Amino acid sequence: MTDISHADSPKYIRQDITLKTGATSSQYFTVVQLIEEYDPKGWILTINGNEDGFWGIAAILTLEGRDRLKPVLEKLEYLDRMQDPVMVGYGPEWTGPDTDERWPDGSVKLFD
């Protein structure tokens, strides 16, 4: 039997995007803008950086959005890699073993 309880909900994944050492704030903002443009239902979880520049973005993306976004990001000279995604579940209805907290917009809060 097919589970149709989430038929209208997009499936989300956690995607870690690593930039090369020394990436600038404008390069980081370009990645953020591309995520917003190619996956408007996705969102940024965290941004990591140090004195050498920004080096990582963790995002929650829809599967469809990631498929559109990946070839665009891979053309950027300052992208190091997109790690294999970790499946996290379905949109705002999903709760999993990591947490049952939610952001104000109703989306699942996966990590602190």
C-alpha atoms as a PDB file:
ATOM      1  CA  MET A   1       0.000   0.000   0.000  1.00  0.00           C
ATOM      2  CA  THR A   2       1.320   3.437  -0.919  1.00  0.00           C
ATOM      3  CA  ASP A   3       1.580   6.042   1.818  1.00  0.00           C
ATOM      4  CA  ILE A   4      -0.173   9.148   0.524  1.00  0.00           C
ATOM      5  CA  SER A   5      -0.256  11.049   3.823  1.00  0.00           C
ATOM      6  CA  HIS A   6       2.471  13.384   2.549  1.00  0.00           C
ATOM      7  CA  ALA A   7       1.437  13.426  -1.104  1.00  0.00           C
ATOM      8  CA  ASP A   8       1.129  17.215  -1.204  1.00  0.00           C
ATOM      9  CA  SER A   9       4.193  17.941   0.939  1.00  0.00           C
ATOM     10  CA  PRO A  10       7.614  18.431  -0.583  1.00  0.00           C
ATOM     11  CA  LYS A  11      10.307  16.050   0.590  1.00  0.00           C
ATOM     12  CA  TYR A  12      13.217  17.837   2.266  1.00  0.00           C
ATOM     13  CA  ILE A  13      16.870  16.972   2.702  1.00  0.00           C
ATOM     14  CA  ARG A  14      19.674  18.509   4.707  1.00  0.00           C
ATOM     15  CA  GLN A  15      22.400  19.656   2.323  1.00  0.00           C
ATOM     16  CA  ASP A  16      25.857  20.776   3.426  1.00  0.00           C
ATOM     17  CA  ILE A  17      27.591  23.136   0.993  1.00  0.00           C
ATOM     18  CA  THR A  18      31.290  23.748   1.566  1.00  0.00           C
ATOM     19  CA  LEU A  19      33.033  26.777   0.080  1.00  0.00           C
ATOM     20  CA  LYS A  20      36.770  26.967  -0.506  1.00  0.00           C
ATOM     21  CA  THR A  21      38.935  28.544   2.175  1.00  0.00           C
ATOM     22  CA  GLY A  22      38.937  32.304   1.821  1.00  0.00           C
ATOM     23  CA  ALA A  23      35.468  32.611   0.335  1.00  0.00           C
ATOM     24  CA  THR A  24      34.246  36.180   0.669  1.00  0.00           C
ATOM     25  CA  SER A  25      30.990  37.484   2.070  1.00  0.00           C
ATOM     26  CA  SER A  26      29.818  38.403  -1.434  1.00  0.00           C
ATOM     27  CA  GLN A  27      30.469  34.833  -2.597  1.00  0.00           C
ATOM     28  CA  TYR A  28      28.548  33.528   0.387  1.00  0.00           C
ATOM     29  CA  PHE A  29      25.634  35.865  -0.388  1.00  0.00           C
ATOM     30  CA  THR A  30      25.651  34.634  -3.984  1.00  0.00           C
ATOM     31  CA  VAL A  31      25.146  31.074  -2.738  1.00  0.00           C
ATOM     32  CA  VAL A  32      22.353  32.197  -0.414  1.00  0.00           C
ATOM     33  CA  GLN A  33      20.652  34.073  -3.275  1.00  0.00           C
ATOM     34  CA  LEU A  34      20.932  31.028  -5.537  1.00  0.00           C
ATOM     35  CA  ILE A  35      19.345  28.842  -2.858  1.00  0.00           C
ATOM     36  CA  GLU A  36      16.499  31.351  -2.500  1.00  0.00           C
ATOM     37  CA  GLU A  37      16.064  31.576  -6.278  1.00  0.00           C
ATOM     38  CA  TYR A  38      16.269  27.885  -7.163  1.00  0.00           C
ATOM     39  CA  ASP A  39      14.545  26.497  -4.076  1.00  0.00           C
ATOM     40  CA  PRO A  40      12.163  29.076  -2.561  1.00  0.00           C
ATOM     41  CA  LYS A  41      10.698  26.415  -0.241  1.00  0.00           C
ATOM     42  CA  GLY A  42      14.144  25.664   1.192  1.00  0.00           C
ATOM     43  CA  TRP A  43      15.919  27.551   3.959  1.00  0.00           C
ATOM     44  CA  ILE A  44      19.353  28.105   5.495  1.00  0.00           C
ATOM     45  CA  LEU A  45      20.054  26.304   8.757  1.00  0.00           C
ATOM     46  CA  THR A  46      23.520  27.578   9.614  1.00  0.00           C
ATOM     47  CA  ILE A  47      26.442  29.493   8.168  1.00  0.00           C
ATOM     48  CA  ASN A  48      29.961  28.651   9.265  1.00  0.00           C
ATOM     49  CA  GLY A  49      33.001  30.847   8.903  1.00  0.00           C
ATOM     50  CA  ASN A  50      36.249  31.942  10.463  1.00  0.00           C
ATOM     51  CA  GLU A  51      38.883  34.629  10.002  1.00  0.00           C
ATOM     52  CA  ASP A  52      39.773  33.110   6.624  1.00  0.00           C
ATOM     53  CA  GLY A  53      36.261  33.571   5.319  1.00  0.00           C
ATOM     54  CA  PHE A  54      32.990  31.720   5.032  1.00  0.00           C
ATOM     55  CA  TRP A  55      33.394  28.004   4.443  1.00  0.00           C
ATOM     56  CA  GLY A  56      30.120  26.250   4.990  1.00  0.00           C
ATOM     57  CA  ILE A  57      26.376  26.529   4.636  1.00  0.00           C
ATOM     58  CA  ALA A  58      23.911  23.975   5.931  1.00  0.00           C
ATOM     59  CA  ALA A  59      20.525  24.189   4.255  1.00  0.00           C
ATOM     60  CA  ILE A  60      17.250  22.324   4.155  1.00  0.00           C
ATOM     61  CA  LEU A  61      16.266  21.903   0.516  1.00  0.00           C
ATOM     62  CA  THR A  62      13.450  20.246  -1.341  1.00  0.00           C
ATOM     63  CA  LEU A  63      14.557  17.374  -3.550  1.00  0.00           C
ATOM     64  CA  GLU A  64      13.387  19.256  -6.622  1.00  0.00           C
ATOM     65  CA  GLY A  65      15.147  22.439  -5.556  1.00  0.00           C
ATOM     66  CA  ARG A  66      18.400  20.601  -4.933  1.00  0.00           C
ATOM     67  CA  ASP A  67      18.244  19.039  -8.387  1.00  0.00           C
ATOM     68  CA  ARG A  68      17.874  22.519  -9.922  1.00  0.00           C
ATOM     69  CA  LEU A  69      20.487  24.097  -7.652  1.00  0.00           C
ATOM     70  CA  LYS A  70      23.312  21.547  -7.783  1.00  0.00           C
ATOM     71  CA  PRO A  71      24.492  22.118 -11.390  1.00  0.00           C
ATOM     72  CA  VAL A  72      24.407  25.895 -10.857  1.00  0.00           C
ATOM     73  CA  LEU A  73      26.449  25.756  -7.650  1.00  0.00           C
ATOM     74  CA  GLU A  74      28.949  23.299  -9.105  1.00  0.00           C
ATOM     75  CA  LYS A  75      29.909  25.912 -11.712  1.00  0.00           C
ATOM     76  CA  LEU A  76      31.080  28.341  -8.999  1.00  0.00           C
ATOM     77  CA  GLU A  77      34.863  28.466  -8.742  1.00  0.00           C
ATOM     78  CA  TYR A  78      34.706  28.950  -4.973  1.00  0.00           C
ATOM     79  CA  LEU A  79      32.511  25.919  -4.260  1.00  0.00           C
ATOM     80  CA  ASP A  80      34.520  23.127  -2.662  1.00  0.00           C
ATOM     81  CA  ARG A  81      31.809  20.489  -2.612  1.00  0.00           C
ATOM     82  CA  MET A  82      28.209  19.632  -1.915  1.00  0.00           C
ATOM     83  CA  GLN A  83      28.241  16.739   0.516  1.00  0.00           C
ATOM     84  CA  ASP A  84      25.896  13.845   0.000  1.00  0.00           C
ATOM     85  CA  PRO A  85      22.566  14.968   1.413  1.00  0.00           C
ATOM     86  CA  VAL A  86      20.998  13.485   4.511  1.00  0.00           C
ATOM     87  CA  MET A  87      17.301  12.722   4.210  1.00  0.00           C
ATOM     88  CA  VAL A  88      15.390  14.496   6.932  1.00  0.00           C
ATOM     89  CA  GLY A  89      11.715  14.132   6.122  1.00  0.00           C
ATOM     90  CA  TYR A  90       8.669  15.990   4.909  1.00  0.00           C
ATOM     91  CA  GLY A  91       7.868  19.686   5.167  1.00  0.00           C
ATOM     92  CA  PRO A  92       6.133  21.370   8.091  1.00  0.00           C
ATOM     93  CA  GLU A  93       4.243  18.208   9.070  1.00  0.00           C
ATOM     94  CA  TRP A  94       7.389  16.181   9.652  1.00  0.00           C
ATOM     95  CA  THR A  95       8.782  15.446  13.087  1.00  0.00           C
ATOM     96  CA  GLY A  96      11.701  13.134  13.540  1.00  0.00           C
ATOM     97  CA  PRO A  97      14.041  11.709  16.129  1.00  0.00           C
ATOM     98  CA  ASP A  98      16.194  14.855  16.266  1.00  0.00           C
ATOM     99  CA  THR A  99      13.538  17.223  17.572  1.00  0.00           C
ATOM    100  CA  ASP A 100       9.897  18.136  17.540  1.00  0.00           C
ATOM    101  CA  GLU A 101      10.491  21.874  17.797  1.00  0.00           C
ATOM    102  CA  ARG A 102       9.336  24.212  15.062  1.00  0.00           C
ATOM    103  CA  TRP A 103      10.353  27.597  13.729  1.00  0.00           C
ATOM    104  CA  PRO A 104       7.749  30.413  13.856  1.00  0.00           C
ATOM    105  CA  ASP A 105       6.786  29.755  10.218  1.00  0.00           C
ATOM    106  CA  GLY A 106       5.807  26.191  11.125  1.00  0.00           C
ATOM    107  CA  SER A 107       8.807  24.510   9.541  1.00  0.00           C
ATOM    108  CA  VAL A 108      10.599  21.829  11.490  1.00  0.00           C
ATOM    109  CA  LYS A 109      13.493  22.936  13.680  1.00  0.00           C
ATOM    110  CA  LEU A 110      15.981  20.148  13.099  1.00  0.00           C
ATOM    111  CA  PHE A 111      18.995  21.372  15.034  1.00  0.00           C
ATOM    112  CA  ASP A 112      19.769  23.915  17.737  1.00  0.00           C
END
